[in-house]
């Protein structure tokens, strides 16, 4: 590693990380900067007394789980269709990839408008087709707010999943599929016995992306709900921001940051280990 790169890594990665661990052991605020050493008190409070933090962890799990369960199958299906129907596939590919390259704040504002209970396009459509009884304040209802956020997240990331799947499928030698057709395999058998096994590594990578994304989501949720209603849509990053800056508890916010780092690191390392073990078989 070159000296400039080493300096960059130390200043912008290692130093903030060490500082975060250090601050997590103190209680202080911006009004009274006197730091009081509390050891693990912030962590015991977090796991034993902070119900919103525990809910935010659950939301991270739900967000990552539904992302993998919805985006990966749909992405694989769309990639297969796009490669099979190349004439219109290119245009369709560009359309579904577009949300990923748009600013997440802009996407959040668009979907916030669509979810508006009075003039949002979703409720307007439901009323127009005689399903007005289904119209509701999507982001203001504790039962639907998180689901509404899931819909927005999937709309953004399905294009990325599809693109990565297309790239992987294009890297597979065509002779493999030609041999399968000669052997008389149907389209479904070809997908199940050849395509799907060759996509296993990609699926693990996509799961890692989903997990990392679930832990780092902030701007989208903050623009759409700010963790509401009734703190039901908080993820760990939004609750960290609320604790550190809205409640003026930077030590507690640093402790939340430590848990985000540890959980993310452990989960990603486990997935990498699983992938390597499969590759060596």
Foldseek 3Di string as FASTA:
>chain_A
DDPVVVVCCVVPPVVVLVVLVVLLQWWDFPVGRDTDGNGCVLVCCQVPPDPLQVLQAVLLVVQLVVLLVPLQVVLLVLLVVCVVPVVCSVVVLCVQQVLQPDDLLVLLVLLLQLLAQPPHVVLVVCVVVPNNVPGDNQCADLVRNSVSLSVSVSSNCSSVSNVVLNVQVVPDDVVVVVVVVVVPDDPVRCCVVPVVVSCVLVSLVVSLVSSVCSLPDDSSCCSNHLCDDVNNNHHLVSVLCCVCPVVRTPSSSSVSVVVSVVVSVVVNVVSVVVSVVVVVD
